[in-house]
Protein backbone atom coordinates (compact mmCIF):
# COMPACT_ATOMS: atom_id res chain seq x y z
CA MET A 1 -33.88 -38.20 107.30
CA THR A 2 -36.51 -35.70 108.40
CA LEU A 3 -36.73 -32.32 106.70
CA ARG A 4 -38.43 -29.50 108.62
CA ILE A 5 -40.72 -27.37 106.45
CA ALA A 6 -42.42 -24.19 107.65
CA VAL A 7 -46.17 -24.17 106.95
CA LYS A 8 -48.52 -21.21 107.15
CA ARG A 9 -52.21 -21.99 107.58
CA LEU A 10 -54.55 -19.61 105.81
CA ALA A 11 -57.79 -18.55 107.49
CA HIS A 12 -59.96 -20.92 105.44
CA GLY A 13 -57.82 -23.90 106.47
CA ALA A 14 -56.96 -22.92 110.05
CA ASP A 15 -59.05 -25.63 111.73
CA LEU A 16 -57.88 -28.49 109.49
CA PRO A 17 -55.08 -30.79 110.62
CA LEU A 18 -51.70 -30.41 108.94
CA PRO A 19 -50.96 -32.98 106.24
CA ARG A 20 -49.48 -36.17 107.66
CA TYR A 21 -48.19 -39.55 106.64
CA GLU A 22 -50.92 -42.16 107.08
CA SER A 23 -48.53 -45.09 107.58
CA ALA A 24 -44.96 -45.61 108.75
CA GLY A 25 -43.72 -46.31 105.22
CA ALA A 26 -45.80 -43.73 103.34
CA ALA A 27 -43.90 -41.53 100.87
CA GLY A 28 -46.56 -38.82 100.69
CA LEU A 29 -48.33 -36.55 103.14
CA ASP A 30 -52.08 -36.43 102.54
CA LEU A 31 -53.35 -33.00 101.46
CA LEU A 32 -56.82 -32.01 102.66
CA ALA A 33 -59.51 -29.99 100.91
CA ALA A 34 -60.07 -26.59 102.50
CA VAL A 35 -63.49 -26.03 100.92
CA PRO A 36 -66.22 -24.48 103.07
CA GLU A 37 -68.16 -26.89 105.28
CA ASP A 38 -71.44 -25.57 103.92
CA ALA A 39 -70.32 -25.44 100.28
CA PRO A 40 -68.72 -28.70 99.15
CA MET A 41 -67.19 -28.67 95.68
CA VAL A 42 -68.86 -30.84 93.07
CA ILE A 43 -66.68 -32.04 90.19
CA GLY A 44 -68.81 -33.32 87.33
CA ARG A 45 -67.85 -35.98 84.79
CA GLY A 46 -64.94 -34.70 82.72
CA ALA A 47 -64.69 -31.49 84.75
CA ARG A 48 -61.65 -30.11 86.51
CA ARG A 49 -61.47 -27.83 89.55
CA LEU A 50 -58.77 -26.15 91.59
CA VAL A 51 -59.21 -27.33 95.17
CA PRO A 52 -57.68 -25.15 97.92
CA THR A 53 -55.67 -26.65 100.78
CA GLY A 54 -55.40 -23.55 102.98
CA LEU A 55 -51.62 -24.03 103.21
CA VAL A 56 -48.54 -22.07 102.18
CA LEU A 57 -45.24 -23.99 102.27
CA GLU A 58 -41.69 -22.75 102.69
CA LEU A 59 -39.78 -25.47 100.90
CA PRO A 60 -36.02 -25.13 101.32
CA PRO A 61 -33.79 -24.47 98.31
CA GLY A 62 -32.89 -27.73 96.57
CA PHE A 63 -36.30 -29.32 97.19
CA GLU A 64 -39.69 -29.42 95.48
CA GLY A 65 -43.15 -30.55 96.46
CA GLN A 66 -44.75 -33.10 94.13
CA VAL A 67 -48.55 -33.21 94.21
CA ARG A 68 -49.70 -36.70 93.25
CA PRO A 69 -53.04 -38.51 93.02
CA ARG A 70 -54.40 -40.74 95.75
CA SER A 71 -54.77 -44.22 94.29
CA GLY A 72 -58.02 -45.01 96.11
CA LEU A 73 -59.78 -41.92 94.73
CA ALA A 74 -58.51 -42.69 91.25
CA LEU A 75 -59.63 -46.32 91.36
CA ARG A 76 -63.00 -45.92 93.07
CA GLN A 77 -64.17 -42.55 91.72
CA GLY A 78 -61.94 -41.67 88.78
CA LEU A 79 -60.70 -38.56 90.60
CA THR A 80 -57.07 -37.74 89.88
CA VAL A 81 -54.56 -34.89 89.78
CA LEU A 82 -54.69 -33.41 86.29
CA ASN A 83 -51.07 -32.30 85.99
CA ALA A 84 -49.60 -35.18 87.96
CA PRO A 85 -47.23 -34.72 89.44
CA GLY A 86 -47.86 -31.07 90.04
CA THR A 87 -44.74 -29.20 91.13
CA ILE A 88 -44.43 -26.77 94.02
CA ASP A 89 -41.18 -24.85 93.56
CA ALA A 90 -39.02 -23.88 96.52
CA ASP A 91 -39.55 -20.17 95.84
CA TYR A 92 -43.37 -20.37 95.56
CA ARG A 93 -45.17 -18.73 98.49
CA GLY A 94 -48.80 -18.92 97.43
CA GLU A 95 -51.50 -21.30 98.55
CA VAL A 96 -51.04 -24.92 97.55
CA GLY A 97 -53.91 -25.83 95.25
CA VAL A 98 -54.69 -29.21 93.73
CA ILE A 99 -56.07 -29.44 90.19
CA LEU A 100 -58.46 -32.40 90.30
CA VAL A 101 -60.13 -33.91 87.25
CA ASN A 102 -63.03 -36.34 87.33
CA LEU A 103 -62.46 -39.15 84.84
CA GLY A 104 -65.17 -41.27 86.41
CA ASP A 105 -68.76 -41.93 85.38
CA GLU A 106 -70.45 -39.79 88.07
CA ALA A 107 -69.99 -36.42 89.73
CA VAL A 108 -67.74 -36.44 92.81
CA THR A 109 -68.35 -34.22 95.84
CA VAL A 110 -65.24 -32.89 97.58
CA THR A 111 -65.99 -32.10 101.20
CA ARG A 112 -64.06 -30.13 103.82
CA GLY A 113 -61.12 -32.13 105.19
CA MET A 114 -61.33 -34.80 102.48
CA ARG A 115 -57.93 -36.29 101.60
CA ILE A 116 -57.57 -35.24 97.96
CA ALA A 117 -53.91 -35.76 97.00
CA GLN A 118 -50.47 -36.64 98.28
CA LEU A 119 -47.51 -34.32 98.76
CA VAL A 120 -44.08 -35.87 98.22
CA VAL A 121 -41.10 -33.68 99.09
CA ALA A 122 -38.12 -34.52 96.90
CA PRO A 123 -34.63 -33.19 96.21
CA VAL A 124 -34.05 -31.32 92.96
CA THR A 125 -30.92 -31.44 90.83
CA ARG A 126 -30.38 -28.33 88.74
CA ALA A 127 -28.93 -28.86 85.30
CA GLU A 128 -26.94 -26.66 82.97
CA LEU A 129 -27.72 -27.28 79.31
CA VAL A 130 -24.68 -27.01 77.06
CA GLU A 131 -25.21 -26.79 73.31
CA ALA A 132 -23.33 -29.46 71.32
CA GLU A 133 -22.90 -30.32 67.65
CA ALA A 134 -23.73 -33.98 68.36
CA VAL A 135 -24.82 -36.21 71.22
CA GLY A 136 -23.56 -39.70 72.03
CA ALA A 137 -25.13 -42.67 70.26
CA THR A 138 -27.08 -45.41 72.05
CA ALA A 139 -28.61 -48.73 71.00
CA ARG A 140 -32.07 -47.14 71.23
CA GLY A 141 -31.17 -44.09 69.19
CA ALA A 142 -34.08 -41.79 68.35
CA GLY A 143 -36.78 -44.44 68.88
CA GLY A 144 -39.48 -43.10 71.17
CA PHE A 145 -43.20 -43.10 71.92
CA GLY A 146 -43.47 -46.82 72.57
CA SER A 147 -40.64 -47.95 70.32
CA THR A 148 -39.06 -50.11 73.02
CA GLY A 149 -42.26 -52.13 73.43
CA VAL A 150 -42.81 -52.96 69.73
């Protein structure tokens, strides 16, 4: 199934290619950094920065965009998406930004057009919460925070 999504390029990202899947079986489209060519963004050890993509998406109702880390950046440089997965709601019409954090040992320079994250478009199920006096019992019960691995 292919879902068509309208994309508006902002002036600072107009010359960058649109995000694309890098392999036939890829789940995520690679998002690119729309930082100025002459002003790359340096993310120091332990620092976080909001990296612009120069894109505005029109996700259809019933879908969300999930912004996820790129595994190669995380492994090689310690650069990851801070709020992974970040959520882009269907009614959001602002620029897609990626909050990157540097968990590595050295500063990382983000350059124009660098692939910084993945965008996965996924269906959303809306829930209605209904207050109840009790909830059904399970074998696990209230055990949490690692209780199934102890």
